[in-house]
Amino acid sequence: MASTQSGGGGGQKRVSGRTEDVDELETTADAQSDVAERHEKLSDDVDAILDEIDDVLEENAEDFVRAYVQKGGQ
């Protein structure tokens, strides 16, 4: 969506808008990439925590529950 503007008294015309659209698309793509990377990192962290909980529960579920209740505040 280009617009023409007269450039002062010289009768020059300038096309603007197209560069801004391209810059905005690049910024949006970068932001989406950053969000995807953060999502992947957080997903990996959650998976690791869940794996750790599974390991503890497999070893001794009763001790885990007792420790959770004590830490969880009564």
PDB file of N, CA and C in Angstrom:
ATOM      1  N   MET A   1       0.837  -1.158   0.000  1.00  0.00           N
ATOM      2  CA  MET A   1       0.000   0.000   0.000  1.00  0.00           C
ATOM      3  C   MET A   1       0.891   1.232   0.000  1.00  0.00           C
ATOM      4  N   ALA A   2       1.232   1.697  -1.160  1.00  0.00           N
ATOM      5  CA  ALA A   2       2.148   2.828  -1.296  1.00  0.00           C
ATOM      6  C   ALA A   2       1.355   4.117  -1.403  1.00  0.00           C
ATOM      7  N   SER A   3       1.936   5.152  -0.848  1.00  0.00           N
ATOM      8  CA  SER A   3       1.316   6.465  -0.964  1.00  0.00           C
ATOM      9  C   SER A   3       2.336   7.417  -1.557  1.00  0.00           C
ATOM     10  N   THR A   4       1.840   8.395  -2.260  1.00  0.00           N
ATOM     11  CA  THR A   4       2.753   9.375  -2.841  1.00  0.00           C
ATOM     12  C   THR A   4       2.615  10.661  -2.058  1.00  0.00           C
ATOM     13  N   GLN A   5       3.746  11.300  -1.853  1.00  0.00           N
ATOM     14  CA  GLN A   5       3.773  12.566  -1.146  1.00  0.00           C
ATOM     15  C   GLN A   5       4.614  13.534  -1.955  1.00  0.00           C
ATOM     16  N   SER A   6       4.180  14.772  -1.995  1.00  0.00           N
ATOM     17  CA  SER A   6       5.016  15.746  -2.681  1.00  0.00           C
ATOM     18  C   SER A   6       6.103  16.176  -1.729  1.00  0.00           C
ATOM     19  N   GLY A   7       7.293  16.275  -2.226  1.00  0.00           N
ATOM     20  CA  GLY A   7       8.444  16.597  -1.382  1.00  0.00           C
ATOM     21  C   GLY A   7       8.773  18.058  -1.434  1.00  0.00           C
ATOM     22  N   GLY A   8       8.001  18.893  -0.797  1.00  0.00           N
ATOM     23  CA  GLY A   8       8.313  20.319  -0.719  1.00  0.00           C
ATOM     24  C   GLY A   8       7.951  21.035  -1.998  1.00  0.00           C
ATOM     25  N   GLY A   9       8.715  22.069  -2.335  1.00  0.00           N
ATOM     26  CA  GLY A   9       8.403  22.884  -3.496  1.00  0.00           C
ATOM     27  C   GLY A   9       9.046  22.387  -4.762  1.00  0.00           C
ATOM     28  N   GLY A  10       9.855  21.342  -4.717  1.00  0.00           N
ATOM     29  CA  GLY A  10      10.573  20.876  -5.893  1.00  0.00           C
ATOM     30  C   GLY A  10       9.762  19.981  -6.800  1.00  0.00           C
ATOM     31  N   GLY A  11       8.560  19.603  -6.415  1.00  0.00           N
ATOM     32  CA  GLY A  11       7.734  18.765  -7.245  1.00  0.00           C
ATOM     33  C   GLY A  11       8.173  17.300  -7.227  1.00  0.00           C
ATOM     34  N   GLN A  12       9.004  16.912  -6.282  1.00  0.00           N
ATOM     35  CA  GLN A  12       9.440  15.526  -6.193  1.00  0.00           C
ATOM     36  C   GLN A  12       8.369  14.687  -5.515  1.00  0.00           C
ATOM     37  N   LYS A  13       8.315  13.422  -5.923  1.00  0.00           N
ATOM     38  CA  LYS A  13       7.371  12.504  -5.287  1.00  0.00           C
ATOM     39  C   LYS A  13       8.156  11.370  -4.662  1.00  0.00           C
ATOM     40  N   ARG A  14       7.679  10.903  -3.513  1.00  0.00           N
ATOM     41  CA  ARG A  14       8.362   9.837  -2.811  1.00  0.00           C
ATOM     42  C   ARG A  14       7.354   8.742  -2.479  1.00  0.00           C
ATOM     43  N   VAL A  15       7.746   7.492  -2.667  1.00  0.00           N
ATOM     44  CA  VAL A  15       6.884   6.365  -2.330  1.00  0.00           C
ATOM     45  C   VAL A  15       7.306   5.879  -0.949  1.00  0.00           C
ATOM     46  N   SER A  16       6.357   5.848  -0.034  1.00  0.00           N
ATOM     47  CA  SER A  16       6.657   5.360   1.302  1.00  0.00           C
ATOM     48  C   SER A  16       5.622   4.323   1.692  1.00  0.00           C
ATOM     49  N   GLY A  17       5.886   3.637   2.771  1.00  0.00           N
ATOM     50  CA  GLY A  17       4.944   2.639   3.243  1.00  0.00           C
ATOM     51  C   GLY A  17       5.433   1.236   2.967  1.00  0.00           C
ATOM     52  N   ARG A  18       5.982   0.999   1.791  1.00  0.00           N
ATOM     53  CA  ARG A  18       6.421  -0.347   1.429  1.00  0.00           C
ATOM     54  C   ARG A  18       7.587  -0.795   2.312  1.00  0.00           C
ATOM     55  N   THR A  19       8.547   0.076   2.557  1.00  0.00           N
ATOM     56  CA  THR A  19       9.687  -0.246   3.411  1.00  0.00           C
ATOM     57  C   THR A  19       9.219  -0.501   4.833  1.00  0.00           C
ATOM     58  N   GLU A  20       8.277   0.299   5.293  1.00  0.00           N
ATOM     59  CA  GLU A  20       7.736   0.112   6.641  1.00  0.00           C
ATOM     60  C   GLU A  20       7.035  -1.229   6.764  1.00  0.00           C
ATOM     61  N   ASP A  21       6.295  -1.644   5.726  1.00  0.00           N
ATOM     62  CA  ASP A  21       5.605  -2.936   5.745  1.00  0.00           C
ATOM     63  C   ASP A  21       6.604  -4.084   5.828  1.00  0.00           C
ATOM     64  N   VAL A  22       7.679  -4.002   5.072  1.00  0.00           N
ATOM     65  CA  VAL A  22       8.702  -5.052   5.075  1.00  0.00           C
ATOM     66  C   VAL A  22       9.372  -5.118   6.445  1.00  0.00           C
ATOM     67  N   ASP A  23       9.717  -3.963   7.005  1.00  0.00           N
ATOM     68  CA  ASP A  23      10.333  -3.926   8.336  1.00  0.00           C
ATOM     69  C   ASP A  23       9.406  -4.525   9.379  1.00  0.00           C
ATOM     70  N   GLU A  24       8.123  -4.220   9.279  1.00  0.00           N
ATOM     71  CA  GLU A  24       7.148  -4.750  10.246  1.00  0.00           C
ATOM     72  C   GLU A  24       7.040  -6.270  10.121  1.00  0.00           C
ATOM     73  N   LEU A  25       7.054  -6.780   8.906  1.00  0.00           N
ATOM     74  CA  LEU A  25       6.989  -8.230   8.702  1.00  0.00           C
ATOM     75  C   LEU A  25       8.224  -8.919   9.260  1.00  0.00           C
ATOM     76  N   GLU A  26       9.394  -8.315   9.059  1.00  0.00           N
ATOM     77  CA  GLU A  26      10.631  -8.899   9.585  1.00  0.00           C
ATOM     78  C   GLU A  26      10.606  -8.902  11.111  1.00  0.00           C
ATOM     79  N   THR A  27      10.125  -7.825  11.705  1.00  0.00           N
ATOM     80  CA  THR A  27      10.032  -7.734  13.163  1.00  0.00           C
ATOM     81  C   THR A  27       9.059  -8.778  13.692  1.00  0.00           C
ATOM     82  N   THR A  28       7.938  -8.956  13.028  1.00  0.00           N
ATOM     83  CA  THR A  28       6.950  -9.947  13.444  1.00  0.00           C
ATOM     84  C   THR A  28       7.527 -11.347  13.339  1.00  0.00           C
ATOM     85  N   ALA A  29       8.249 -11.640  12.276  1.00  0.00           N
ATOM     86  CA  ALA A  29       8.857 -12.956  12.106  1.00  0.00           C
ATOM     87  C   ALA A  29       9.895 -13.215  13.191  1.00  0.00           C
ATOM     88  N   ASP A  30      10.693 -12.205  13.521  1.00  0.00           N
ATOM     89  CA  ASP A  30      11.692 -12.345  14.588  1.00  0.00           C
ATOM     90  C   ASP A  30      11.011 -12.616  15.928  1.00  0.00           C
ATOM     91  N   ALA A  31       9.934 -11.894  16.201  1.00  0.00           N
ATOM     92  CA  ALA A  31       9.214 -12.067  17.464  1.00  0.00           C
ATOM     93  C   ALA A  31       8.616 -13.466  17.544  1.00  0.00           C
ATOM     94  N   GLN A  32       8.067 -13.961  16.449  1.00  0.00           N
ATOM     95  CA  GLN A  32       7.489 -15.306  16.435  1.00  0.00           C
ATOM     96  C   GLN A  32       8.571 -16.345  16.657  1.00  0.00           C
ATOM     97  N   SER A  33       9.734 -16.134  16.084  1.00  0.00           N
ATOM     98  CA  SER A  33      10.849 -17.053  16.268  1.00  0.00           C
ATOM     99  C   SER A  33      11.284 -17.072  17.725  1.00  0.00           C
ATOM    100  N   ASP A  34      11.368 -15.901  18.342  1.00  0.00           N
ATOM    101  CA  ASP A  34      11.745 -15.800  19.758  1.00  0.00           C
ATOM    102  C   ASP A  34      10.730 -16.514  20.649  1.00  0.00           C
ATOM    103  N   VAL A  35       9.459 -16.336  20.349  1.00  0.00           N
ATOM    104  CA  VAL A  35       8.402 -16.982  21.136  1.00  0.00           C
ATOM    105  C   VAL A  35       8.494 -18.494  20.983  1.00  0.00           C
ATOM    106  N   ALA A  36       8.750 -18.974  19.782  1.00  0.00           N
ATOM    107  CA  ALA A  36       8.872 -20.412  19.555  1.00  0.00           C
ATOM    108  C   ALA A  36      10.049 -20.989  20.333  1.00  0.00           C
ATOM    109  N   GLU A  37      11.160 -20.268  20.349  1.00  0.00           N
ATOM    110  CA  GLU A  37      12.335 -20.730  21.096  1.00  0.00           C
ATOM    111  C   GLU A  37      12.048 -20.773  22.597  1.00  0.00           C
ATOM    112  N   ARG A  38      11.398 -19.739  23.119  1.00  0.00           N
ATOM    113  CA  ARG A  38      11.058 -19.710  24.545  1.00  0.00           C
ATOM    114  C   ARG A  38      10.091 -20.830  24.892  1.00  0.00           C
ATOM    115  N   HIS A  39       9.121 -21.082  24.004  1.00  0.00           N
ATOM    116  CA  HIS A  39       8.144 -22.145  24.243  1.00  0.00           C
ATOM    117  C   HIS A  39       8.846 -23.500  24.301  1.00  0.00           C
ATOM    118  N   GLU A  40       9.755 -23.726  23.392  1.00  0.00           N
ATOM    119  CA  GLU A  40      10.494 -24.994  23.372  1.00  0.00           C
ATOM    120  C   GLU A  40      11.321 -25.157  24.641  1.00  0.00           C
ATOM    121  N   LYS A  41      11.997 -24.099  25.070  1.00  0.00           N
ATOM    122  CA  LYS A  41      12.813 -24.143  26.290  1.00  0.00           C
ATOM    123  C   LYS A  41      11.950 -24.440  27.506  1.00  0.00           C
ATOM    124  N   LEU A  42      10.824 -23.752  27.627  1.00  0.00           N
ATOM    125  CA  LEU A  42       9.937 -23.978  28.762  1.00  0.00           C
ATOM    126  C   LEU A  42       9.355 -25.391  28.745  1.00  0.00           C
ATOM    127  N   SER A  43       9.019 -25.872  27.571  1.00  0.00           N
ATOM    128  CA  SER A  43       8.496 -27.236  27.455  1.00  0.00           C
ATOM    129  C   SER A  43       9.532 -28.252  27.906  1.00  0.00           C
ATOM    130  N   ASP A  44      10.784 -28.033  27.521  1.00  0.00           N
ATOM    131  CA  ASP A  44      11.861 -28.926  27.946  1.00  0.00           C
ATOM    132  C   ASP A  44      12.036 -28.890  29.460  1.00  0.00           C
ATOM    133  N   ASP A  45      11.951 -27.687  30.047  1.00  0.00           N
ATOM    134  CA  ASP A  45      12.083 -27.548  31.498  1.00  0.00           C
ATOM    135  C   ASP A  45      10.953 -28.274  32.227  1.00  0.00           C
ATOM    136  N   VAL A  46       9.733 -28.116  31.742  1.00  0.00           N
ATOM    137  CA  VAL A  46       8.584 -28.782  32.367  1.00  0.00           C
ATOM    138  C   VAL A  46       8.739 -30.294  32.260  1.00  0.00           C
ATOM    139  N   ASP A  47       9.157 -30.772  31.095  1.00  0.00           N
ATOM    140  CA  ASP A  47       9.368 -32.216  30.918  1.00  0.00           C
ATOM    141  C   ASP A  47      10.418 -32.743  31.892  1.00  0.00           C
ATOM    142  N   ALA A  48      11.483 -31.984  32.094  1.00  0.00           N
ATOM    143  CA  ALA A  48      12.536 -32.406  33.017  1.00  0.00           C
ATOM    144  C   ALA A  48      12.012 -32.483  34.450  1.00  0.00           C
ATOM    145  N   ILE A  49      11.220 -31.506  34.840  1.00  0.00           N
ATOM    146  CA  ILE A  49      10.649 -31.501  36.195  1.00  0.00           C
ATOM    147  C   ILE A  49       9.704 -32.686  36.372  1.00  0.00           C
ATOM    148  N   LEU A  50       8.869 -32.934  35.384  1.00  0.00           N
ATOM    149  CA  LEU A  50       7.945 -34.068  35.474  1.00  0.00           C
ATOM    150  C   LEU A  50       8.692 -35.400  35.522  1.00  0.00           C
ATOM    151  N   ASP A  51       9.763 -35.511  34.768  1.00  0.00           N
ATOM    152  CA  ASP A  51      10.585 -36.721  34.814  1.00  0.00           C
ATOM    153  C   ASP A  51      11.192 -36.916  36.196  1.00  0.00           C
ATOM    154  N   GLU A  52      11.648 -35.823  36.801  1.00  0.00           N
ATOM    155  CA  GLU A  52      12.228 -35.902  38.139  1.00  0.00           C
ATOM    156  C   GLU A  52      11.176 -36.345  39.160  1.00  0.00           C
ATOM    157  N   ILE A  53       9.982 -35.816  39.052  1.00  0.00           N
ATOM    158  CA  ILE A  53       8.898 -36.209  39.952  1.00  0.00           C
ATOM    159  C   ILE A  53       8.572 -37.694  39.768  1.00  0.00           C
ATOM    160  N   ASP A  54       8.516 -38.146  38.529  1.00  0.00           N
ATOM    161  CA  ASP A  54       8.258 -39.560  38.258  1.00  0.00           C
ATOM    162  C   ASP A  54       9.322 -40.446  38.896  1.00  0.00           C
ATOM    163  N   ASP A  55      10.581 -40.035  38.768  1.00  0.00           N
ATOM    164  CA  ASP A  55      11.678 -40.828  39.349  1.00  0.00           C
ATOM    165  C   ASP A  55      11.534 -40.925  40.868  1.00  0.00           C
ATOM    166  N   VAL A  56      11.213 -39.801  41.502  1.00  0.00           N
ATOM    167  CA  VAL A  56      11.059 -39.794  42.960  1.00  0.00           C
ATOM    168  C   VAL A  56       9.878 -40.664  43.367  1.00  0.00           C
ATOM    169  N   LEU A  57       8.789 -40.549  42.641  1.00  0.00           N
ATOM    170  CA  LEU A  57       7.603 -41.347  42.973  1.00  0.00           C
ATOM    171  C   LEU A  57       7.864 -42.841  42.795  1.00  0.00           C
ATOM    172  N   GLU A  58       8.640 -43.198  41.799  1.00  0.00           N
ATOM    173  CA  GLU A  58       8.964 -44.604  41.585  1.00  0.00           C
ATOM    174  C   GLU A  58       9.805 -45.150  42.732  1.00  0.00           C
ATOM    175  N   GLU A  59      10.691 -44.326  43.264  1.00  0.00           N
ATOM    176  CA  GLU A  59      11.564 -44.779  44.339  1.00  0.00           C
ATOM    177  C   GLU A  59      10.799 -44.930  45.652  1.00  0.00           C
ATOM    178  N   ASN A  60      10.084 -43.903  46.039  1.00  0.00           N
ATOM    179  CA  ASN A  60       9.392 -43.978  47.318  1.00  0.00           C
ATOM    180  C   ASN A  60       8.279 -42.942  47.365  1.00  0.00           C
ATOM    181  N   ALA A  61       7.092 -43.342  46.983  1.00  0.00           N
ATOM    182  CA  ALA A  61       5.961 -42.421  46.896  1.00  0.00           C
ATOM    183  C   ALA A  61       5.543 -41.904  48.263  1.00  0.00           C
ATOM    184  N   GLU A  62       5.593 -42.739  49.280  1.00  0.00           N
ATOM    185  CA  GLU A  62       5.145 -42.330  50.615  1.00  0.00           C
ATOM    186  C   GLU A  62       5.997 -41.192  51.169  1.00  0.00           C
ATOM    187  N   ASP A  63       7.320 -41.305  51.051  1.00  0.00           N
ATOM    188  CA  ASP A  63       8.210 -40.233  51.515  1.00  0.00           C
ATOM    189  C   ASP A  63       7.978 -38.943  50.731  1.00  0.00           C
ATOM    190  N   PHE A  64       7.736 -39.097  49.454  1.00  0.00           N
ATOM    191  CA  PHE A  64       7.490 -37.921  48.614  1.00  0.00           C
ATOM    192  C   PHE A  64       6.243 -37.183  49.085  1.00  0.00           C
ATOM    193  N   VAL A  65       5.178 -37.927  49.357  1.00  0.00           N
ATOM    194  CA  VAL A  65       3.929 -37.313  49.800  1.00  0.00           C
ATOM    195  C   VAL A  65       4.121 -36.627  51.143  1.00  0.00           C
ATOM    196  N   ARG A  66       4.818 -37.291  52.070  1.00  0.00           N
ATOM    197  CA  ARG A  66       5.064 -36.682  53.379  1.00  0.00           C
ATOM    198  C   ARG A  66       5.852 -35.375  53.239  1.00  0.00           C
ATOM    199  N   ALA A  67       6.885 -35.377  52.427  1.00  0.00           N
ATOM    200  CA  ALA A  67       7.704 -34.175  52.232  1.00  0.00           C
ATOM    201  C   ALA A  67       6.880 -33.086  51.565  1.00  0.00           C
ATOM    202  N   TYR A  68       6.037 -33.459  50.635  1.00  0.00           N
ATOM    203  CA  TYR A  68       5.208 -32.466  49.943  1.00  0.00           C
ATOM    204  C   TYR A  68       4.233 -31.820  50.916  1.00  0.00           C
ATOM    205  N   VAL A  69       3.593 -32.613  51.764  1.00  0.00           N
ATOM    206  CA  VAL A  69       2.633 -32.087  52.715  1.00  0.00           C
ATOM    207  C   VAL A  69       3.336 -31.152  53.704  1.00  0.00           C
ATOM    208  N   GLN A  70       4.524 -31.531  54.171  1.00  0.00           N
ATOM    209  CA  GLN A  70       5.249 -30.700  55.116  1.00  0.00           C
ATOM    210  C   GLN A  70       5.675 -29.383  54.475  1.00  0.00           C
ATOM    211  N   LYS A  71       6.162 -29.433  53.251  1.00  0.00           N
ATOM    212  CA  LYS A  71       6.594 -28.208  52.564  1.00  0.00           C
ATOM    213  C   LYS A  71       5.402 -27.384  52.095  1.00  0.00           C
ATOM    214  N   GLY A  72       4.323 -28.059  51.780  1.00  0.00           N
ATOM    215  CA  GLY A  72       3.163 -27.387  51.228  1.00  0.00           C
ATOM    216  C   GLY A  72       2.379 -26.571  52.242  1.00  0.00           C
ATOM    217  N   GLY A  73       2.715 -26.660  53.457  1.00  0.00           N
ATOM    218  CA  GLY A  73       2.061 -25.815  54.450  1.00  0.00           C
ATOM    219  C   GLY A  73       0.859 -26.475  55.098  1.00  0.00           C
ATOM    220  N   GLN A  74       1.069 -27.543  55.766  1.00  0.00           N
ATOM    221  CA  GLN A  74       0.091 -28.233  56.598  1.00  0.00           C
ATOM    222  C   GLN A  74      -0.884 -29.028  55.807  1.00  0.00           C
TER     223      GLN A  74
END
